[in-house]
Protein backbone atom coordinates (compact mmCIF):
# COMPACT_ATOMS: atom_id res chain seq x y z
CA MET A 1 -0.13 0.09 -0.10
CA MET A 2 2.93 2.25 0.79
CA LYS A 3 4.50 1.83 -2.53
CA ARG A 4 1.19 2.49 -4.12
CA ARG A 5 0.67 5.59 -2.51
CA LEU A 6 4.33 6.76 -3.48
CA PHE A 7 4.04 5.95 -6.78
CA LEU A 8 0.38 7.96 -7.25
CA ARG A 9 2.28 10.94 -5.53
CA SER A 10 5.06 10.72 -7.90
CA LEU A 11 2.73 10.35 -10.91
CA LEU A 12 0.67 13.41 -9.57
CA THR A 13 3.73 15.37 -9.12
CA THR A 14 4.92 14.79 -12.69
CA CYS A 15 1.65 15.40 -14.24
CA LEU A 16 1.44 18.72 -12.41
CA ALA A 17 4.77 19.60 -13.54
CA LEU A 18 3.98 18.99 -16.96
CA ALA A 19 0.64 21.07 -16.98
CA MET A 20 2.27 23.77 -15.61
CA PRO A 21 5.71 24.51 -17.27
CA TRP A 22 5.49 28.33 -17.20
CA ARG A 23 5.15 28.50 -13.58
CA TRP A 24 8.39 26.42 -13.19
CA SER A 25 10.25 28.34 -15.89
CA ALA A 26 9.38 31.69 -14.52
CA ARG A 27 12.07 31.51 -11.87
CA ALA A 28 14.74 29.41 -13.95
CA GLY A 29 14.52 32.06 -16.63
CA LEU A 30 13.30 29.61 -19.35
CA THR A 31 10.79 30.53 -22.24
CA ARG A 32 9.78 28.90 -25.14
CA ARG A 33 11.15 31.67 -27.38
CA ASP A 34 14.53 30.83 -25.77
CA GLU A 35 14.41 27.19 -26.63
CA VAL A 36 17.77 26.21 -27.91
CA VAL A 37 17.92 24.08 -31.41
CA LYS A 38 19.17 21.04 -30.76
CA PRO A 39 22.05 19.44 -33.24
CA GLY A 40 20.65 18.14 -36.58
CA ALA A 41 18.14 21.07 -36.77
CA ARG A 42 18.69 23.74 -39.11
CA ALA A 43 18.82 27.32 -37.42
CA VAL A 44 19.91 30.64 -38.41
CA SER A 45 21.51 32.78 -35.72
CA ARG A 46 21.75 36.54 -36.02
CA VAL A 47 25.18 38.05 -35.28
CA LEU A 48 25.39 42.00 -35.62
CA ARG A 49 28.18 44.27 -35.75
CA VAL A 50 27.89 48.02 -35.01
CA HIS A 51 30.83 50.05 -36.09
CA ASP A 52 31.33 54.02 -35.32
CA PRO A 53 34.56 55.34 -36.32
CA ALA A 54 34.20 58.17 -33.56
CA ALA A 55 33.80 55.80 -30.97
CA CYS A 56 37.03 55.50 -30.11
CA ARG A 57 40.44 57.63 -30.84
CA TRP A 58 43.15 56.24 -29.31
CA ASP A 59 47.02 56.08 -30.55
CA PHE A 60 47.95 53.21 -28.83
CA GLY A 61 50.56 54.68 -26.37
CA PRO A 62 50.87 54.78 -22.60
CA GLY A 63 48.16 55.02 -20.27
CA ASP A 64 44.47 54.39 -19.73
CA TYR A 65 43.07 53.45 -23.38
CA THR A 66 39.44 54.26 -22.10
CA THR A 67 39.97 57.99 -21.94
CA GLY A 68 39.71 57.68 -25.85
CA ILE A 69 36.26 56.03 -25.78
CA ASP A 70 33.39 58.43 -26.53
CA SER A 71 30.61 57.64 -24.10
CA ALA A 72 27.70 59.56 -26.28
CA ALA A 73 28.96 57.22 -29.33
CA VAL A 74 28.78 54.10 -27.33
CA ARG A 75 25.02 54.72 -26.12
CA ARG A 76 24.18 55.40 -29.65
CA MET A 77 25.63 52.04 -30.73
CA LEU A 78 24.17 50.44 -28.03
CA ALA A 79 20.83 51.82 -29.11
CA ALA A 80 21.25 51.18 -32.65
CA GLY A 81 22.50 47.61 -31.98
CA LEU A 82 19.39 46.48 -29.81
CA THR A 83 16.98 47.90 -32.29
CA ALA A 84 18.87 46.12 -35.41
CA LEU A 85 19.12 42.91 -33.62
CA THR A 86 15.62 42.56 -32.60
CA GLY A 87 13.54 44.67 -35.19
CA ALA A 88 12.18 47.11 -32.45
CA ALA A 89 11.40 50.42 -32.95
CA ASP A 90 13.54 51.71 -30.16
CA ALA A 91 15.85 50.41 -27.24
CA ALA A 92 12.90 50.42 -24.64
CA SER A 93 11.07 48.04 -27.05
CA ALA A 94 14.13 45.99 -28.00
CA TRP A 95 14.89 45.39 -24.26
CA ARG A 96 11.31 44.30 -23.64
CA ALA A 97 11.36 41.86 -26.31
CA LEU A 98 14.86 40.35 -24.95
CA ILE A 99 13.83 40.50 -21.47
CA PRO A 100 10.20 39.90 -20.67
CA GLN A 101 9.38 42.51 -17.90
CA ARG A 102 7.64 40.74 -14.73
CA GLN A 103 7.68 42.04 -11.42
CA GLY A 104 10.38 40.69 -9.22
CA ASP A 105 12.69 39.46 -12.04
CA ARG A 106 16.41 40.05 -11.59
CA ILE A 107 18.83 40.99 -14.17
CA VAL A 108 22.75 40.40 -14.04
CA ILE A 109 25.24 41.54 -15.98
CA LYS A 110 28.77 39.75 -16.42
CA PRO A 111 31.57 41.85 -17.98
CA ASN A 112 35.31 40.55 -18.15
CA LEU A 113 36.87 42.70 -15.27
CA GLY A 114 39.07 40.01 -13.76
CA ASN A 115 42.16 42.53 -14.03
CA ILE A 116 40.51 45.68 -12.77
CA HIS A 117 42.91 45.96 -10.07
CA VAL A 118 45.72 46.17 -12.60
CA GLY A 119 43.94 48.84 -14.68
CA TYR A 120 42.97 49.79 -18.36
CA GLY A 121 46.44 51.03 -18.70
CA GLU A 122 48.00 47.54 -18.53
CA VAL A 123 45.22 45.32 -19.70
CA ILE A 124 42.10 45.15 -22.37
CA MET A 125 38.59 44.72 -20.14
CA THR A 126 35.11 45.55 -20.74
CA SER A 127 35.08 49.18 -20.87
CA PRO A 128 33.15 51.00 -18.08
CA GLN A 129 31.53 53.08 -20.95
CA LEU A 130 29.84 50.09 -22.19
CA LEU A 131 28.66 48.94 -18.93
CA ALA A 132 27.30 52.48 -18.00
CA ALA A 133 25.39 52.75 -21.34
CA LEU A 134 23.82 49.20 -20.46
CA VAL A 135 22.72 50.09 -17.37
CA ALA A 136 21.36 53.54 -18.27
CA SER A 137 19.47 51.87 -21.16
CA LEU A 138 17.84 49.50 -19.08
CA LEU A 139 16.97 52.05 -16.52
CA GLU A 140 15.29 54.09 -19.39
CA ALA A 141 13.45 51.19 -20.71
CA GLY A 142 11.78 50.82 -17.24
CA PHE A 143 13.61 48.18 -15.32
CA PRO A 144 14.10 49.17 -11.82
CA ALA A 145 17.54 49.90 -10.46
CA GLU A 146 17.30 47.39 -7.60
CA SER A 147 16.42 44.63 -10.27
CA ILE A 148 19.86 44.97 -12.03
CA THR A 149 23.36 43.68 -10.84
CA VAL A 150 26.72 43.93 -12.55
CA PHE A 151 29.01 41.37 -11.23
CA ASP A 152 32.38 39.77 -11.78
CA LEU A 153 33.74 37.33 -8.96
CA THR A 154 37.20 37.41 -10.01
CA ALA A 155 37.57 41.48 -9.96
CA PRO A 156 37.99 43.20 -7.01
CA GLU A 157 36.08 46.13 -5.98
CA SER A 158 37.42 49.36 -7.83
CA ASP A 159 37.34 53.00 -7.81
CA VAL A 160 36.71 52.91 -11.29
CA MET A 161 33.38 50.75 -11.17
CA ARG A 162 32.30 52.80 -8.24
CA GLN A 163 32.91 55.76 -10.22
CA TRP A 164 30.91 54.60 -13.31
CA LEU A 165 28.22 52.46 -11.71
CA GLY A 166 27.60 53.86 -8.45
CA PRO A 167 25.30 56.95 -9.58
CA PHE A 168 22.84 54.59 -11.17
CA GLY A 169 22.17 52.88 -7.92
CA VAL A 170 22.45 49.43 -9.11
CA ARG A 171 23.80 46.70 -7.32
CA THR A 172 27.40 45.37 -7.74
CA VAL A 173 29.18 42.19 -6.56
CA PHE A 174 32.91 42.18 -6.96
CA MET A 175 35.60 40.58 -4.66
CA LYS A 176 35.94 42.29 -1.36
CA ARG A 177 39.41 44.01 -0.91
CA SER A 178 41.13 44.57 2.45
CA SER A 179 44.39 45.04 3.71
CA ASN A 180 44.05 43.20 7.11
CA LEU A 181 43.88 39.32 7.42
CA PHE A 182 40.52 39.32 9.63
CA ASP A 183 38.52 40.96 6.70
CA LYS A 184 40.12 38.71 4.08
CA LEU A 185 38.99 35.57 6.00
CA THR A 186 35.59 36.93 6.77
CA ALA A 187 35.08 37.79 3.08
CA ARG A 188 36.36 34.04 2.28
CA VAL A 189 33.85 32.46 4.59
CA PHE A 190 30.91 34.77 4.31
CA PRO A 191 31.03 35.83 0.55
CA GLY A 192 27.52 37.09 0.35
CA PRO A 193 25.43 36.82 -3.00
CA ALA A 194 29.11 35.79 -4.42
CA ALA A 195 28.52 32.60 -2.23
CA ALA A 196 28.30 29.21 -3.95
CA ASP A 197 25.05 27.77 -4.26
CA ARG A 198 25.48 24.24 -3.17
CA GLY A 199 22.06 23.28 -4.77
CA ALA A 200 23.46 24.37 -8.35
CA PRO A 201 26.55 22.22 -9.04
CA VAL A 202 28.47 22.56 -12.40
CA VAL A 203 28.81 18.85 -13.77
CA MET A 204 32.07 18.56 -15.52
CA ARG A 205 32.71 15.69 -17.64
CA ASN A 206 36.39 15.55 -16.71
CA PRO A 207 37.87 16.20 -13.15
CA VAL A 208 38.71 19.42 -12.02
CA ARG A 209 42.07 19.54 -9.54
CA ASP A 210 43.97 21.89 -7.76
CA LYS A 211 47.55 22.02 -8.14
CA HIS A 212 48.24 19.28 -5.59
CA GLY A 213 45.95 16.91 -7.27
CA ALA A 214 42.82 17.39 -4.88
CA GLU A 215 39.36 17.26 -6.94
CA VAL A 216 37.47 20.71 -6.51
CA GLU A 217 33.85 20.65 -7.05
CA CYS A 218 32.47 23.62 -9.08
CA PHE A 219 28.95 25.53 -8.26
CA MET A 220 27.00 28.31 -9.71
CA PRO A 221 26.99 31.44 -7.49
CA GLU A 222 23.91 32.53 -5.76
CA ILE A 223 23.99 35.96 -7.58
CA LEU A 224 23.19 33.85 -10.65
CA THR A 225 20.95 31.00 -9.46
CA GLU A 226 18.55 33.84 -7.88
CA ALA A 227 18.54 35.74 -11.10
CA ASP A 228 16.36 35.30 -14.04
CA HIS A 229 17.89 37.09 -17.06
CA LEU A 230 21.61 37.17 -17.97
CA ILE A 231 23.69 39.80 -20.25
CA ASN A 232 27.30 38.48 -21.00
CA VAL A 233 29.69 41.30 -21.92
CA PRO A 234 33.09 39.96 -22.85
CA VAL A 235 35.97 41.80 -24.82
CA LEU A 236 37.48 41.38 -28.15
CA LYS A 237 40.95 39.26 -27.35
CA GLY A 238 42.83 36.17 -27.93
CA HIS A 239 44.11 33.80 -25.28
CA GLN A 240 47.37 32.34 -24.55
CA TYR A 241 45.74 28.67 -24.49
CA LEU A 242 42.79 29.11 -26.69
CA LEU A 243 42.12 31.03 -30.13
CA GLN A 244 39.94 33.41 -28.05
CA SER A 245 38.68 34.61 -24.73
CA SER A 246 35.08 35.65 -25.34
CA ALA A 247 31.53 35.09 -24.44
CA LEU A 248 31.96 31.56 -23.49
CA LYS A 249 35.17 31.71 -21.32
CA ASN A 250 34.01 34.93 -19.81
CA HIS A 251 32.00 32.55 -17.26
CA PHE A 252 35.24 31.51 -15.79
CA GLY A 253 34.74 34.46 -13.62
CA THR A 254 31.15 33.53 -12.86
CA VAL A 255 31.80 29.76 -11.07
CA ARG A 256 32.58 29.16 -7.66
CA PHE A 257 34.79 26.43 -6.22
CA SER A 258 34.55 24.15 -3.23
CA ASN A 259 38.20 25.14 -2.35
CA ARG A 260 37.18 28.85 -2.17
CA ASN A 261 39.51 30.12 -4.54
CA ALA A 262 38.00 33.02 -6.32
CA TYR A 263 40.34 32.74 -9.31
CA PRO A 264 39.48 30.01 -11.90
CA VAL A 265 43.01 28.68 -12.21
CA VAL A 266 41.91 25.15 -11.63
CA LEU A 267 39.58 25.47 -14.93
CA HIS A 268 42.66 25.61 -17.24
CA GLY A 269 45.00 22.76 -18.12
CA GLU A 270 44.36 19.58 -19.99
CA TYR A 271 40.34 19.80 -19.89
CA LEU A 272 40.19 23.59 -20.63
CA GLU A 273 37.74 23.11 -23.43
CA SER A 274 35.73 20.66 -22.22
CA HIS A 275 35.23 22.69 -18.99
CA ILE A 276 34.34 25.72 -20.90
CA VAL A 277 31.40 23.63 -22.91
CA ASP A 278 30.17 21.92 -19.50
CA LEU A 279 30.22 25.25 -17.68
CA ASN A 280 28.15 27.05 -20.02
CA ASP A 281 25.60 23.66 -20.47
CA ASN A 282 24.53 24.46 -16.81
CA PRO A 283 20.93 25.76 -17.06
CA HIS A 284 21.84 28.94 -15.20
CA ILE A 285 23.97 30.27 -17.90
CA ARG A 286 22.50 28.24 -20.82
CA ASP A 287 18.88 29.17 -20.24
CA LYS A 288 19.07 32.75 -18.67
CA THR A 289 21.56 34.40 -21.29
CA ARG A 290 19.25 36.94 -22.91
CA LEU A 291 21.87 38.98 -24.59
CA CYS A 292 25.82 39.01 -25.54
CA VAL A 293 27.56 41.98 -26.20
CA VAL A 294 31.47 42.06 -27.41
CA ASP A 295 33.18 45.13 -26.49
CA ALA A 296 35.29 45.70 -29.70
CA LEU A 297 36.09 49.10 -29.33
CA LEU A 298 39.64 48.11 -29.20
CA GLY A 299 41.15 44.71 -29.53
CA ALA A 300 44.00 42.55 -28.49
CA ALA A 301 43.76 39.54 -30.80
CA CYS A 302 47.47 38.51 -29.99
CA PHE A 303 47.03 38.84 -26.55
CA THR A 304 50.36 37.76 -24.94
CA LEU A 305 51.44 35.76 -28.00
CA GLY A 306 55.14 36.32 -28.78
CA ASP A 307 56.07 39.82 -27.52
CA ASN A 308 52.48 41.13 -27.20
CA ASP A 309 51.37 42.26 -24.05
CA ARG A 310 47.70 42.47 -22.51
CA ARG A 311 46.97 45.85 -23.97
CA PRO A 312 45.01 46.51 -26.92
CA SER A 313 46.78 46.71 -30.41
CA PRO A 314 46.32 47.85 -33.84
CA TRP A 315 44.16 45.98 -36.00
CA THR A 316 45.97 44.88 -39.19
CA SER A 317 44.01 42.28 -41.19
CA PRO A 318 40.68 42.88 -43.13
CA GLY A 319 37.32 42.92 -41.26
CA LEU A 320 37.98 45.54 -38.69
CA ASP A 321 39.58 48.95 -38.73
CA ARG A 322 42.96 49.73 -37.13
CA VAL A 323 41.11 51.13 -34.12
CA PRO A 324 37.97 48.56 -34.48
CA GLY A 325 35.30 50.88 -32.90
CA SER A 326 32.77 48.20 -32.82
CA LEU A 327 30.02 46.58 -30.59
CA PHE A 328 28.97 42.71 -31.61
CA PHE A 329 25.35 41.67 -30.58
CA SER A 330 23.93 38.18 -30.55
CA ARG A 331 21.73 35.95 -28.48
CA ASP A 332 23.60 33.14 -29.62
CA PRO A 333 26.87 33.08 -27.91
CA VAL A 334 28.37 30.29 -30.31
CA ALA A 335 27.49 32.18 -33.34
CA LEU A 336 28.95 35.15 -31.91
CA GLU A 337 32.30 33.70 -31.15
CA SER A 338 32.17 32.02 -34.54
CA VAL A 339 32.27 35.24 -36.23
CA ILE A 340 34.56 37.06 -33.45
CA GLY A 341 36.86 33.72 -34.15
CA ASP A 342 37.35 34.15 -37.57
CA LEU A 343 38.42 37.72 -37.36
CA VAL A 344 40.75 36.86 -34.23
CA ALA A 345 42.30 33.88 -36.22
CA ALA A 346 42.81 36.16 -39.36
CA GLU A 347 44.58 39.04 -37.29
CA GLN A 348 46.64 36.31 -35.53
CA ARG A 349 48.00 34.93 -38.88
CA ALA A 350 48.39 38.25 -40.30
CA ASN A 351 51.00 38.94 -37.34
CA GLY A 352 52.77 35.55 -37.83
CA PHE A 353 50.91 33.23 -35.45
CA GLU A 354 49.15 29.93 -36.00
CA PRO A 355 45.54 30.25 -34.04
CA LEU A 356 45.31 27.81 -31.05
CA SER A 357 42.49 25.61 -30.83
CA HIS A 358 38.81 26.27 -30.86
CA ARG A 359 37.54 22.87 -30.80
CA TYR A 360 35.19 23.94 -27.70
CA LEU A 361 33.11 25.84 -30.16
CA HIS A 362 32.45 22.50 -32.11
CA GLU A 363 31.50 20.89 -28.84
CA ALA A 364 29.27 23.62 -27.76
CA ALA A 365 27.37 23.31 -31.16
CA GLN A 366 27.10 19.53 -31.08
CA ARG A 367 25.79 20.17 -27.57
CA GLY A 368 22.79 22.44 -28.72
CA LEU A 369 24.11 25.82 -27.05
CA GLY A 370 24.13 27.53 -30.47
CA VAL A 371 25.51 27.83 -34.20
CA HIS A 372 29.19 27.18 -35.04
CA GLU A 373 30.50 27.78 -38.86
CA HIS A 374 33.36 29.27 -40.53
CA ARG A 375 33.36 32.14 -43.09
CA ASP A 376 32.95 30.93 -46.53
CA GLY A 377 34.95 31.73 -49.66
CA THR A 378 33.08 35.00 -50.06
CA GLY A 379 33.24 35.94 -46.25
CA GLY A 380 29.59 35.28 -45.57
CA TYR A 381 28.08 32.25 -43.63
CA GLU A 382 25.41 30.03 -44.16
CA ASN A 383 23.70 29.40 -40.87
CA ILE A 384 25.04 32.70 -39.13
CA ASP A 385 22.83 35.89 -40.24
CA PHE A 386 25.85 38.11 -40.05
CA ARG A 387 25.30 41.84 -40.48
CA ALA A 388 27.03 45.12 -40.26
CA LEU A 389 25.83 48.46 -39.41
CA VAL A 390 27.98 51.53 -39.70
CA MET A 391 26.81 54.58 -37.58
CA GLY A 392 26.69 57.65 -39.68
CA ALA A 393 26.47 55.75 -43.03
CA VAL A 394 23.89 56.85 -45.68
């Protein structure tokens, strides 16, 4: 009799779950509109480049390169990209097409700011002008400030982010900085919204181990598991172990570790590419991502290769200007990285480097995370709808 009761209870629960998919998906951020096309199905993903030659004027000299970025131009580029990507009449309508406006929903924005303590004079990162433009645009579209969070769990708190984001009243979640041991230990033991959500493990095919060989478990942070919508804002750059570090690898600054290390060192090494795919296949990333915007106002395709450092460098190959002055938009991170990857590979070859592996993009496409292909002989794509918009063009 007890077994029968358990069976009937299980059957009833299953039926209710199937009958009410929207109630469950409201918190997880899943909607039918965002359904990922599985391998074998034909799909076309749109990738958009918005270019404004006036957006960035920098001579590649010493110092903070973001001083050469025109904030007003970036705001115009963002609005143009949002409307062109969605077909909406204005930016506010575009945001509503991308993000259902439901009371209590939370939006998180993940830039690449892991070297903010080093500074924009030494390392290319997501620009503060783009982050400010994104936040301002969301607020203008009617999303409340308390519903928006900007986070990078590998980035220390900084005056730069306080200066640019503080006036908007949105929440920021970065690593706590302290000079005394007690505060450092307190931040490590009580990380707040940056804490690992033990109910949201990241399942990896291959083991994650520290330098001593001990296995490390990976988790999503509470800041993301409690959110409904995710905006991914990486930067245009290569990587010392991969073809590039873009939208997918940007989430190395999202994952939490059982050894409480803030930096994702353990994800590099032999299984780097499989870790990237497995991480992005986690439902809190896969099903909540609403938009990816690559900051290509400047680029560093040959990042740390040969004698190159980590700063932006002049672009020399066809496809982008010497100062790229661009933003790339897509709802499909794999398609976006496919287009960016072709540009990065061409630039690396133009500088005498053989591009490194991008096997993870093939695996991501096979996993159903998006569309991957390379440019054909005419420079176009078959399954990626790649478009370019030049600001001020007639």
